[in-house]
Amino acid sequence: MYHLDNFQVNQHGELTTKEALVDEILELINHIKIQQFDTAFDPNIIRDLDINTLTSIRDELSKKATKGIDTDWLFSLTNS
């Protein structure tokens, strides 16, 4: 469960926590099938990002989950 003091409002006006967004991102990544390679994702890497960046990552992954993933976009996250 997420502690009440950790809730923030993101750019969409959603009341959420960084931890909840990280959980959503991990769930989306686990549902996206990447045929060409295996991926290892460390949630500790993104926990330091601000809430709006996490929201943007979640939103993009949500789009990719329905259309298939753009591996160039995914790899670009490691270079930011």
C-alpha atoms as a PDB file:
ATOM      1  CA  MET A   1       0.000   0.000   0.000  1.00  0.00           C
ATOM      2  CA  TYR A   2       1.164   3.510  -0.726  1.00  0.00           C
ATOM      3  CA  HIS A   3       1.603   6.016   2.096  1.00  0.00           C
ATOM      4  CA  LEU A   4      -0.724   9.030   1.931  1.00  0.00           C
ATOM      5  CA  ASP A   5       2.173  11.504   2.295  1.00  0.00           C
ATOM      6  CA  ASN A   6       3.731  10.201  -0.941  1.00  0.00           C
ATOM      7  CA  PHE A   7       0.820  11.105  -3.230  1.00  0.00           C
ATOM      8  CA  GLN A   8       1.407  13.830  -5.820  1.00  0.00           C
ATOM      9  CA  VAL A   9      -0.599  15.275  -8.689  1.00  0.00           C
ATOM     10  CA  ASN A  10       0.940  14.569 -12.106  1.00  0.00           C
ATOM     11  CA  GLN A  11       0.589  16.558 -15.344  1.00  0.00           C
ATOM     12  CA  HIS A  12      -2.739  14.826 -16.077  1.00  0.00           C
ATOM     13  CA  GLY A  13      -4.196  15.828 -12.719  1.00  0.00           C
ATOM     14  CA  GLU A  14      -4.018  12.241 -11.459  1.00  0.00           C
ATOM     15  CA  LEU A  15      -3.324  11.740  -7.772  1.00  0.00           C
ATOM     16  CA  THR A  16      -0.625   9.081  -7.723  1.00  0.00           C
ATOM     17  CA  THR A  17       2.715   8.085  -6.219  1.00  0.00           C
ATOM     18  CA  LYS A  18       6.081   7.480  -7.809  1.00  0.00           C
ATOM     19  CA  GLU A  19       5.918   3.928  -6.467  1.00  0.00           C
ATOM     20  CA  ALA A  20       2.542   3.329  -8.131  1.00  0.00           C
ATOM     21  CA  LEU A  21       3.872   4.637 -11.448  1.00  0.00           C
ATOM     22  CA  VAL A  22       6.972   2.435 -11.207  1.00  0.00           C
ATOM     23  CA  ASP A  23       4.683  -0.546 -10.546  1.00  0.00           C
ATOM     24  CA  GLU A  24       2.562   0.348 -13.603  1.00  0.00           C
ATOM     25  CA  ILE A  25       5.665   0.750 -15.767  1.00  0.00           C
ATOM     26  CA  LEU A  26       6.996  -2.638 -14.684  1.00  0.00           C
ATOM     27  CA  GLU A  27       3.635  -4.255 -15.390  1.00  0.00           C
ATOM     28  CA  LEU A  28       3.521  -2.727 -18.869  1.00  0.00           C
ATOM     29  CA  ILE A  29       7.075  -3.812 -19.643  1.00  0.00           C
ATOM     30  CA  ASN A  30       6.254  -7.340 -18.494  1.00  0.00           C
ATOM     31  CA  HIS A  31       3.260  -7.424 -20.870  1.00  0.00           C
ATOM     32  CA  ILE A  32       5.143  -6.119 -23.875  1.00  0.00           C
ATOM     33  CA  LYS A  33       6.652  -8.919 -25.893  1.00  0.00           C
ATOM     34  CA  ILE A  34       9.996  -8.029 -27.404  1.00  0.00           C
ATOM     35  CA  GLN A  35      10.818 -10.666 -29.960  1.00  0.00           C
ATOM     36  CA  GLN A  36      14.385  -9.721 -30.883  1.00  0.00           C
ATOM     37  CA  PHE A  37      15.975  -9.609 -27.434  1.00  0.00           C
ATOM     38  CA  ASP A  38      15.460 -10.188 -23.746  1.00  0.00           C
ATOM     39  CA  THR A  39      15.249  -7.133 -21.549  1.00  0.00           C
ATOM     40  CA  ALA A  40      16.286  -6.642 -17.970  1.00  0.00           C
ATOM     41  CA  PHE A  41      14.730  -3.680 -16.218  1.00  0.00           C
ATOM     42  CA  ASP A  42      15.875  -2.398 -12.845  1.00  0.00           C
ATOM     43  CA  PRO A  43      13.114  -0.405 -11.131  1.00  0.00           C
ATOM     44  CA  ASN A  44      15.704   1.269  -8.888  1.00  0.00           C
ATOM     45  CA  ILE A  45      16.981   3.165 -11.926  1.00  0.00           C
ATOM     46  CA  ILE A  46      13.726   5.023 -12.513  1.00  0.00           C
ATOM     47  CA  ARG A  47      12.663   5.588  -8.895  1.00  0.00           C
ATOM     48  CA  ASP A  48      14.720   8.795  -8.831  1.00  0.00           C
ATOM     49  CA  LEU A  49      12.841  10.326 -11.772  1.00  0.00           C
ATOM     50  CA  ASP A  50      10.234  13.006 -11.115  1.00  0.00           C
ATOM     51  CA  ILE A  51       6.558  12.127 -11.198  1.00  0.00           C
ATOM     52  CA  ASN A  52       5.872  13.805 -14.556  1.00  0.00           C
ATOM     53  CA  THR A  53       8.709  11.897 -16.250  1.00  0.00           C
ATOM     54  CA  LEU A  54       7.409   8.632 -14.794  1.00  0.00           C
ATOM     55  CA  THR A  55       3.910   9.517 -16.015  1.00  0.00           C
ATOM     56  CA  SER A  56       5.253  10.172 -19.523  1.00  0.00           C
ATOM     57  CA  ILE A  57       7.095   6.839 -19.562  1.00  0.00           C
ATOM     58  CA  ARG A  58       3.934   5.054 -18.397  1.00  0.00           C
ATOM     59  CA  ASP A  59       1.832   6.801 -21.038  1.00  0.00           C
ATOM     60  CA  GLU A  60       4.252   5.913 -23.843  1.00  0.00           C
ATOM     61  CA  LEU A  61       4.485   2.294 -22.708  1.00  0.00           C
ATOM     62  CA  SER A  62       0.685   2.117 -22.601  1.00  0.00           C
ATOM     63  CA  LYS A  63       0.584   3.235 -26.233  1.00  0.00           C
ATOM     64  CA  LYS A  64       3.322   0.791 -27.201  1.00  0.00           C
ATOM     65  CA  ALA A  65       1.593  -2.086 -25.414  1.00  0.00           C
ATOM     66  CA  THR A  66      -1.341  -1.780 -27.764  1.00  0.00           C
ATOM     67  CA  LYS A  67       0.653  -1.178 -30.961  1.00  0.00           C
ATOM     68  CA  GLY A  68       3.877  -3.098 -30.347  1.00  0.00           C
ATOM     69  CA  ILE A  69       7.041  -1.594 -28.976  1.00  0.00           C
ATOM     70  CA  ASP A  70       9.465   0.679 -30.785  1.00  0.00           C
ATOM     71  CA  THR A  71      12.796  -0.717 -29.655  1.00  0.00           C
ATOM     72  CA  ASP A  72      14.612   2.496 -30.627  1.00  0.00           C
ATOM     73  CA  TRP A  73      12.387   4.414 -28.210  1.00  0.00           C
ATOM     74  CA  LEU A  74      12.993   1.868 -25.453  1.00  0.00           C
ATOM     75  CA  PHE A  75      16.753   2.016 -25.885  1.00  0.00           C
ATOM     76  CA  SER A  76      16.635   5.827 -25.945  1.00  0.00           C
ATOM     77  CA  LEU A  77      15.474   5.733 -22.320  1.00  0.00           C
ATOM     78  CA  THR A  78      18.872   4.413 -21.300  1.00  0.00           C
ATOM     79  CA  ASN A  79      20.604   7.362 -22.964  1.00  0.00           C
ATOM     80  CA  SER A  80      18.550  10.091 -21.281  1.00  0.00           C
END
